């Protein structure tokens, strides 16, 4: 078995021009694959400097132990190496997909992490009238704090014949569980019936709060808009 130290020596000698740059890239990392002794690895060179990469590595390892993430192997200042997941993304979720998504999100939400709650209000430079109203609604209800992924867009779900796993854990933190559920609804453009199906599978007999999920959908859309505007603005 390749040791962490052995892998570090291999990565240090890598000629990135000979690595495979993945066709689909995000904003937070530059992603490559490389193969050593018939095993393929994912190398993520960090682009964003803000995320706490040690926390990301720790959370991904917790998620890996629950079989919902790739195994993180090596963390250095400029990059992380993980096992490479074979699979594909889906733009539309069928009913069976929704059940599978809910099952891994519930696994995630049961992982224990002793960290402070994410301050969502602090993430916004300005607040529109609609956003202020969403926060007013959210503040009416008890917080349901869990470990959230916080970036559940379609490209962060890897579907394979055998499993579904999540990738890109740099924004994971303690947050209200409704944030993750709202993001799934928005990102996969779930209609009223499919959203209700997702929520019924998540909450089972406990029921859910329609007003709260709608408020978090407003918040999530606004957060995405502001984040992408920041990434497209030159420093």
Foldseek 3Di string as FASTA:
>chain_A
DQALVNVVVVVVPDDVVPWAFDPDDDLFWGWTWDDDPNFIKIKTFGDDPPFPVVVLLVLQCLLVVVVAHFHWHYDDPGITMTGDDDADFDLADDLVRLLQVLVSLVVQQPRDDPDDEDDLVVLDPDADPLLVVLVVLLVVDDAAKGWGQLQPARVQWGDDPVGIHGDDRRPIDIGGSLLRLLNVCVRSVDDPVSSVSSVCSNCPPNDDDPSNNVSSNVSSVVSVVVVVVVSPDDD
